[in-house]
Amino acid sequence: WAVSQESLAYTLDCIGIPYEKTVFEEIMAKYRHL
């Protein structure tokens, strides 16, 4: 879970996409509903 958060943060930062915490959490939640 932590690794997935770290790698998602890397991805969004690398691409240059600003995001809100709630959006980040909604994307992460998909891993509990694949």
All heavy atoms as atom14 arrays in JSON, in Angstrom:
{
  "sequence": "WAVSQESLAYTLDCIGIPYEKTVFEEIMAKYRHL",
  "atom14_mask": [
    [1, 1, 1, 1, 1, 1, 1, 1, 1, 1, 1, 1, 1, 1],
    [1, 1, 1, 1, 1, 0, 0, 0, 0, 0, 0, 0, 0, 0],
    [1, 1, 1, 1, 1, 1, 1, 0, 0, 0, 0, 0, 0, 0],
    [1, 1, 1, 1, 1, 1, 0, 0, 0, 0, 0, 0, 0, 0],
    [1, 1, 1, 1, 1, 1, 1, 1, 1, 0, 0, 0, 0, 0],
    [1, 1, 1, 1, 1, 1, 1, 1, 1, 0, 0, 0, 0, 0],
    [1, 1, 1, 1, 1, 1, 0, 0, 0, 0, 0, 0, 0, 0],
    [1, 1, 1, 1, 1, 1, 1, 1, 0, 0, 0, 0, 0, 0],
    [1, 1, 1, 1, 1, 0, 0, 0, 0, 0, 0, 0, 0, 0],
    [1, 1, 1, 1, 1, 1, 1, 1, 1, 1, 1, 1, 0, 0],
    [1, 1, 1, 1, 1, 1, 1, 0, 0, 0, 0, 0, 0, 0],
    [1, 1, 1, 1, 1, 1, 1, 1, 0, 0, 0, 0, 0, 0],
    [1, 1, 1, 1, 1, 1, 1, 1, 0, 0, 0, 0, 0, 0],
    [1, 1, 1, 1, 1, 1, 0, 0, 0, 0, 0, 0, 0, 0],
    [1, 1, 1, 1, 1, 1, 1, 1, 0, 0, 0, 0, 0, 0],
    [1, 1, 1, 1, 0, 0, 0, 0, 0, 0, 0, 0, 0, 0],
    [1, 1, 1, 1, 1, 1, 1, 1, 0, 0, 0, 0, 0, 0],
    [1, 1, 1, 1, 1, 1, 1, 0, 0, 0, 0, 0, 0, 0],
    [1, 1, 1, 1, 1, 1, 1, 1, 1, 1, 1, 1, 0, 0],
    [1, 1, 1, 1, 1, 1, 1, 1, 1, 0, 0, 0, 0, 0],
    [1, 1, 1, 1, 1, 1, 1, 1, 1, 0, 0, 0, 0, 0],
    [1, 1, 1, 1, 1, 1, 1, 0, 0, 0, 0, 0, 0, 0],
    [1, 1, 1, 1, 1, 1, 1, 0, 0, 0, 0, 0, 0, 0],
    [1, 1, 1, 1, 1, 1, 1, 1, 1, 1, 1, 0, 0, 0],
    [1, 1, 1, 1, 1, 1, 1, 1, 1, 0, 0, 0, 0, 0],
    [1, 1, 1, 1, 1, 1, 1, 1, 1, 0, 0, 0, 0, 0],
    [1, 1, 1, 1, 1, 1, 1, 1, 0, 0, 0, 0, 0, 0],
    [1, 1, 1, 1, 1, 1, 1, 1, 0, 0, 0, 0, 0, 0],
    [1, 1, 1, 1, 1, 0, 0, 0, 0, 0, 0, 0, 0, 0],
    [1, 1, 1, 1, 1, 1, 1, 1, 1, 0, 0, 0, 0, 0],
    [1, 1, 1, 1, 1, 1, 1, 1, 1, 1, 1, 1, 0, 0],
    [1, 1, 1, 1, 1, 1, 1, 1, 1, 1, 1, 0, 0, 0],
    [1, 1, 1, 1, 1, 1, 1, 1, 1, 1, 0, 0, 0, 0],
    [1, 1, 1, 1, 1, 1, 1, 1, 0, 0, 0, 0, 0, 0]
  ],
  "atom14_positions": [
    [[0.84, -1.19, 0.0], [0.0, 0.0, 0.0], [0.88, 1.25, 0.0], [0.66, 2.18, -0.79], [-0.93, 0.0, 1.2], [-1.89, 1.15, 1.22], [-1.83, 2.27, 1.99], [-3.07, 1.29, 0.41], [-2.88, 3.11, 1.72], [-3.67, 2.52, 0.75], [-3.68, 0.49, -0.57], [-4.84, 2.98, 0.15], [-4.85, 0.94, -1.17], [-5.41, 2.18, -0.81]],
    [[1.91, 1.25, 0.86], [2.83, 2.38, 0.91], [3.61, 2.52, -0.39], [3.79, 3.63, -0.91], [3.78, 2.23, 2.09], [0.0, 0.0, 0.0], [0.0, 0.0, 0.0], [0.0, 0.0, 0.0], [0.0, 0.0, 0.0], [0.0, 0.0, 0.0], [0.0, 0.0, 0.0], [0.0, 0.0, 0.0], [0.0, 0.0, 0.0], [0.0, 0.0, 0.0]],
    [[4.07, 1.39, -0.94], [4.8, 1.41, -2.21], [3.91, 1.97, -3.32], [4.37, 2.74, -4.18], [5.31, 0.0, -2.56], [5.73, -0.09, -4.02], [6.47, -0.38, -1.65], [0.0, 0.0, 0.0], [0.0, 0.0, 0.0], [0.0, 0.0, 0.0], [0.0, 0.0, 0.0], [0.0, 0.0, 0.0], [0.0, 0.0, 0.0], [0.0, 0.0, 0.0]],
    [[2.65, 1.6, -3.32], [1.72, 2.07, -4.34], [1.49, 3.58, -4.21], [1.37, 4.29, -5.21], [0.4, 1.32, -4.24], [0.59, -0.06, -4.48], [0.0, 0.0, 0.0], [0.0, 0.0, 0.0], [0.0, 0.0, 0.0], [0.0, 0.0, 0.0], [0.0, 0.0, 0.0], [0.0, 0.0, 0.0], [0.0, 0.0, 0.0], [0.0, 0.0, 0.0]],
    [[1.44, 4.06, -2.99], [1.32, 5.5, -2.77], [2.57, 6.23, -3.25], [2.48, 7.28, -3.92], [1.1, 5.79, -1.28], [-0.27, 5.36, -0.76], [-0.41, 5.64, 0.72], [0.46, 5.29, 1.52], [-1.51, 6.27, 1.1], [0.0, 0.0, 0.0], [0.0, 0.0, 0.0], [0.0, 0.0, 0.0], [0.0, 0.0, 0.0], [0.0, 0.0, 0.0]],
    [[3.73, 5.69, -2.92], [4.99, 6.32, -3.31], [5.12, 6.38, -4.83], [5.54, 7.41, -5.39], [6.17, 5.53, -2.73], [6.28, 5.61, -1.22], [7.18, 4.54, -0.61], [7.59, 3.61, -1.35], [7.48, 4.62, 0.59], [0.0, 0.0, 0.0], [0.0, 0.0, 0.0], [0.0, 0.0, 0.0], [0.0, 0.0, 0.0], [0.0, 0.0, 0.0]],
    [[4.77, 5.3, -5.49], [4.92, 5.24, -6.94], [3.87, 6.09, -7.65], [4.14, 6.65, -8.72], [4.89, 3.79, -7.44], [3.75, 3.1, -6.95], [0.0, 0.0, 0.0], [0.0, 0.0, 0.0], [0.0, 0.0, 0.0], [0.0, 0.0, 0.0], [0.0, 0.0, 0.0], [0.0, 0.0, 0.0], [0.0, 0.0, 0.0], [0.0, 0.0, 0.0]],
    [[2.67, 6.22, -7.08], [1.66, 7.11, -7.66], [2.09, 8.56, -7.5], [1.95, 9.36, -8.44], [0.3, 6.88, -7.01], [-0.84, 7.79, -7.49], [-1.04, 7.69, -9.0], [-2.14, 7.47, -6.74], [0.0, 0.0, 0.0], [0.0, 0.0, 0.0], [0.0, 0.0, 0.0], [0.0, 0.0, 0.0], [0.0, 0.0, 0.0], [0.0, 0.0, 0.0]],
    [[2.63, 8.89, -6.33], [3.11, 10.26, -6.11], [4.24, 10.59, -7.08], [4.29, 11.7, -7.65], [3.59, 10.42, -4.67], [0.0, 0.0, 0.0], [0.0, 0.0, 0.0], [0.0, 0.0, 0.0], [0.0, 0.0, 0.0], [0.0, 0.0, 0.0], [0.0, 0.0, 0.0], [0.0, 0.0, 0.0], [0.0, 0.0, 0.0], [0.0, 0.0, 0.0]],
    [[5.14, 9.64, -7.29], [6.22, 9.82, -8.27], [5.63, 10.11, -9.65], [6.07, 11.03, -10.35], [7.1, 8.57, -8.33], [8.08, 8.57, -9.49], [9.38, 9.02, -9.31], [7.7, 8.16, -10.76], [10.29, 9.05, -10.37], [8.57, 8.19, -11.83], [9.87, 8.62, -11.63], [10.74, 8.67, -12.69], [0.0, 0.0, 0.0], [0.0, 0.0, 0.0]],
    [[4.66, 9.3, -10.05], [4.08, 9.41, -11.39], [3.45, 10.77, -11.62], [3.71, 11.43, -12.63], [3.03, 8.29, -11.59], [3.67, 7.02, -11.46], [2.38, 8.39, -12.96], [0.0, 0.0, 0.0], [0.0, 0.0, 0.0], [0.0, 0.0, 0.0], [0.0, 0.0, 0.0], [0.0, 0.0, 0.0], [0.0, 0.0, 0.0], [0.0, 0.0, 0.0]],
    [[2.61, 11.19, -10.69], [1.93, 12.47, -10.84], [2.91, 13.64, -10.83], [2.77, 14.59, -11.61], [0.86, 12.63, -9.76], [-0.27, 11.59, -9.78], [-1.2, 11.8, -8.6], [-1.04, 11.64, -11.09], [0.0, 0.0, 0.0], [0.0, 0.0, 0.0], [0.0, 0.0, 0.0], [0.0, 0.0, 0.0], [0.0, 0.0, 0.0], [0.0, 0.0, 0.0]],
    [[3.9, 13.54, -9.95], [4.91, 14.59, -9.88], [5.75, 14.64, -11.16], [6.04, 15.71, -11.69], [5.81, 14.37, -8.66], [6.88, 15.44, -8.53], [6.52, 16.61, -8.34], [8.08, 15.1, -8.65], [0.0, 0.0, 0.0], [0.0, 0.0, 0.0], [0.0, 0.0, 0.0], [0.0, 0.0, 0.0], [0.0, 0.0, 0.0], [0.0, 0.0, 0.0]],
    [[6.13, 13.47, -11.65], [6.96, 13.38, -12.85], [6.25, 13.96, -14.07], [6.84, 14.69, -14.88], [7.36, 11.94, -13.09], [8.5, 11.69, -14.47], [0.0, 0.0, 0.0], [0.0, 0.0, 0.0], [0.0, 0.0, 0.0], [0.0, 0.0, 0.0], [0.0, 0.0, 0.0], [0.0, 0.0, 0.0], [0.0, 0.0, 0.0], [0.0, 0.0, 0.0]],
    [[4.96, 13.65, -14.2], [4.18, 14.13, -15.33], [3.85, 15.61, -15.17], [3.59, 16.32, -16.14], [2.91, 13.27, -15.49], [3.3, 11.82, -15.84], [1.99, 13.82, -16.58], [2.14, 10.85, -15.82], [0.0, 0.0, 0.0], [0.0, 0.0, 0.0], [0.0, 0.0, 0.0], [0.0, 0.0, 0.0], [0.0, 0.0, 0.0], [0.0, 0.0, 0.0]],
    [[3.88, 16.07, -13.91], [3.59, 17.47, -13.64], [2.13, 17.76, -13.45], [1.62, 18.8, -13.89], [0.0, 0.0, 0.0], [0.0, 0.0, 0.0], [0.0, 0.0, 0.0], [0.0, 0.0, 0.0], [0.0, 0.0, 0.0], [0.0, 0.0, 0.0], [0.0, 0.0, 0.0], [0.0, 0.0, 0.0], [0.0, 0.0, 0.0], [0.0, 0.0, 0.0]],
    [[1.45, 16.86, -12.76], [0.0, 17.0, -12.55], [-0.26, 17.35, -11.08], [0.0, 16.55, -10.19], [-0.74, 15.71, -12.9], [-0.52, 15.35, -14.38], [-2.23, 15.84, -12.6], [-1.15, 14.05, -14.79], [0.0, 0.0, 0.0], [0.0, 0.0, 0.0], [0.0, 0.0, 0.0], [0.0, 0.0, 0.0], [0.0, 0.0, 0.0], [0.0, 0.0, 0.0]],
    [[-0.79, 18.54, -10.81], [-1.18, 18.87, -9.44], [-2.42, 18.08, -9.04], [-3.26, 17.78, -9.89], [-1.46, 20.37, -9.49], [-1.83, 20.65, -10.9], [-1.05, 19.66, -11.74], [0.0, 0.0, 0.0], [0.0, 0.0, 0.0], [0.0, 0.0, 0.0], [0.0, 0.0, 0.0], [0.0, 0.0, 0.0], [0.0, 0.0, 0.0], [0.0, 0.0, 0.0]],
    [[-2.55, 17.75, -7.77], [-3.69, 16.95, -7.34], [-4.02, 17.26, -5.89], [-3.17, 17.71, -5.11], [-3.4, 15.45, -7.5], [-2.17, 14.99, -6.74], [-2.25, 14.54, -5.42], [-0.91, 15.02, -7.34], [-1.12, 14.13, -4.72], [0.23, 14.61, -6.65], [0.11, 14.16, -5.35], [1.23, 13.76, -4.66], [0.0, 0.0, 0.0], [0.0, 0.0, 0.0]],
    [[-5.26, 17.01, -5.54], [-5.71, 17.16, -4.17], [-5.62, 15.82, -3.45], [-5.68, 14.75, -4.08], [-7.15, 17.68, -4.13], [-7.31, 19.06, -4.74], [-8.76, 19.53, -4.74], [-9.63, 18.73, -4.32], [-9.01, 20.67, -5.16], [0.0, 0.0, 0.0], [0.0, 0.0, 0.0], [0.0, 0.0, 0.0], [0.0, 0.0, 0.0], [0.0, 0.0, 0.0]],
    [[-5.52, 15.86, -2.15], [-5.41, 14.64, -1.34], [-6.59, 13.71, -1.57], [-6.42, 12.49, -1.67], [-5.3, 14.99, 0.15], [-5.15, 13.79, 1.06], [-5.07, 14.2, 2.52], [-4.97, 12.97, 3.42], [-4.94, 13.35, 4.87], [0.0, 0.0, 0.0], [0.0, 0.0, 0.0], [0.0, 0.0, 0.0], [0.0, 0.0, 0.0], [0.0, 0.0, 0.0]],
    [[-7.78, 14.27, -1.68], [-8.97, 13.43, -1.86], [-8.93, 12.7, -3.2], [-9.36, 11.54, -3.29], [-10.25, 14.28, -1.79], [-10.16, 15.38, -2.71], [-10.46, 14.83, -0.39], [0.0, 0.0, 0.0], [0.0, 0.0, 0.0], [0.0, 0.0, 0.0], [0.0, 0.0, 0.0], [0.0, 0.0, 0.0], [0.0, 0.0, 0.0], [0.0, 0.0, 0.0]],
    [[-8.43, 13.36, -4.24], [-8.31, 12.72, -5.56], [-7.29, 11.59, -5.5], [-7.51, 10.48, -6.03], [-7.9, 13.75, -6.63], [-7.55, 13.07, -7.94], [-9.02, 14.77, -6.84], [0.0, 0.0, 0.0], [0.0, 0.0, 0.0], [0.0, 0.0, 0.0], [0.0, 0.0, 0.0], [0.0, 0.0, 0.0], [0.0, 0.0, 0.0], [0.0, 0.0, 0.0]],
    [[-6.16, 11.84, -4.85], [-5.12, 10.82, -4.67], [-5.71, 9.6, -3.97], [-5.48, 8.46, -4.37], [-3.98, 11.42, -3.85], [-2.75, 10.55, -3.76], [-1.7, 10.7, -4.65], [-2.63, 9.59, -2.74], [-0.56, 9.91, -4.55], [-1.5, 8.8, -2.64], [-0.46, 8.95, -3.56], [0.0, 0.0, 0.0], [0.0, 0.0, 0.0], [0.0, 0.0, 0.0]],
    [[-6.48, 9.83, -2.92], [-7.06, 8.73, -2.14], [-8.1, 7.96, -2.96], [-8.2, 6.73, -2.83], [-7.69, 9.28, -0.86], [-6.64, 9.79, 0.14], [-7.27, 10.49, 1.34], [-8.48, 10.8, 1.28], [-6.54, 10.72, 2.32], [0.0, 0.0, 0.0], [0.0, 0.0, 0.0], [0.0, 0.0, 0.0], [0.0, 0.0, 0.0], [0.0, 0.0, 0.0]],
    [[-8.85, 8.65, -3.79], [-9.84, 7.97, -4.64], [-9.15, 7.06, -5.66], [-9.63, 5.96, -5.95], [-10.7, 9.0, -5.36], [-11.72, 9.68, -4.47], [-12.55, 10.68, -5.23], [-13.18, 10.29, -6.24], [-12.57, 11.87, -4.84], [0.0, 0.0, 0.0], [0.0, 0.0, 0.0], [0.0, 0.0, 0.0], [0.0, 0.0, 0.0], [0.0, 0.0, 0.0]],
    [[-8.04, 7.52, -6.21], [-7.29, 6.69, -7.16], [-6.71, 5.47, -6.45], [-6.82, 4.34, -6.94], [-6.17, 7.5, -7.84], [-6.77, 8.61, -8.7], [-5.29, 6.6, -8.69], [-5.75, 9.57, -9.26], [0.0, 0.0, 0.0], [0.0, 0.0, 0.0], [0.0, 0.0, 0.0], [0.0, 0.0, 0.0], [0.0, 0.0, 0.0], [0.0, 0.0, 0.0]],
    [[-6.14, 5.68, -5.29], [-5.57, 4.57, -4.52], [-6.64, 3.53, -4.16], [-6.38, 2.33, -4.17], [-4.92, 5.09, -3.24], [-3.54, 5.69, -3.43], [-2.3, 4.47, -3.95], [-2.46, 3.22, -2.68], [0.0, 0.0, 0.0], [0.0, 0.0, 0.0], [0.0, 0.0, 0.0], [0.0, 0.0, 0.0], [0.0, 0.0, 0.0], [0.0, 0.0, 0.0]],
    [[-7.84, 4.01, -3.86], [-8.91, 3.1, -3.44], [-9.27, 2.08, -4.51], [-9.82, 1.01, -4.19], [-10.15, 3.91, -3.05], [0.0, 0.0, 0.0], [0.0, 0.0, 0.0], [0.0, 0.0, 0.0], [0.0, 0.0, 0.0], [0.0, 0.0, 0.0], [0.0, 0.0, 0.0], [0.0, 0.0, 0.0], [0.0, 0.0, 0.0], [0.0, 0.0, 0.0]],
    [[-8.97, 2.37, -5.76], [-9.28, 1.42, -6.83], [-8.55, 0.1, -6.62], [-9.04, -0.96, -7.05], [-8.9, 2.02, -8.2], [-9.19, 1.13, -9.39], [-10.67, 0.8, -9.55], [-10.92, -0.06, -10.79], [-12.33, -0.44, -10.95], [0.0, 0.0, 0.0], [0.0, 0.0, 0.0], [0.0, 0.0, 0.0], [0.0, 0.0, 0.0], [0.0, 0.0, 0.0]],
    [[-7.41, 0.11, -5.95], [-6.68, -1.13, -5.7], [-7.41, -2.05, -4.73], [-7.04, -3.22, -4.6], [-5.25, -0.84, -5.22], [-4.26, -1.05, -6.34], [-3.98, -0.04, -7.25], [-3.67, -2.29, -6.56], [-3.11, -0.24, -8.31], [-2.8, -2.51, -7.62], [-2.54, -1.48, -8.49], [-1.69, -1.7, -9.55], [0.0, 0.0, 0.0], [0.0, 0.0, 0.0]],
    [[-8.43, -1.56, -4.09], [-9.28, -2.43, -3.26], [-10.53, -2.86, -4.02], [-11.36, -3.59, -3.49], [-9.66, -1.71, -1.97], [-8.45, -1.34, -1.11], [-8.85, -0.65, 0.18], [-7.69, -0.15, 0.9], [-7.0, -0.83, 1.82], [-7.37, -2.05, 2.16], [-5.95, -0.29, 2.42], [0.0, 0.0, 0.0], [0.0, 0.0, 0.0], [0.0, 0.0, 0.0]],
    [[-10.63, -2.43, -5.28], [-11.8, -2.75, -6.11], [-11.39, -3.02, -7.55], [-12.14, -2.7, -8.48], [-12.8, -1.58, -6.08], [-13.33, -1.26, -4.73], [-14.47, -1.83, -4.22], [-12.86, -0.42, -3.76], [-14.7, -1.35, -3.0], [-13.75, -0.5, -2.7], [0.0, 0.0, 0.0], [0.0, 0.0, 0.0], [0.0, 0.0, 0.0], [0.0, 0.0, 0.0]],
    [[-10.22, -3.62, -7.75], [-9.78, -3.95, -9.11], [-10.76, -4.91, -9.77], [-11.4, -5.73, -9.09], [-8.38, -4.57, -9.08], [-7.21, -3.67, -8.71], [-5.94, -4.51, -8.57], [-7.0, -2.56, -9.73], [0.0, 0.0, 0.0], [0.0, 0.0, 0.0], [0.0, 0.0, 0.0], [0.0, 0.0, 0.0], [0.0, 0.0, 0.0], [0.0, 0.0, 0.0]]
  ]
}
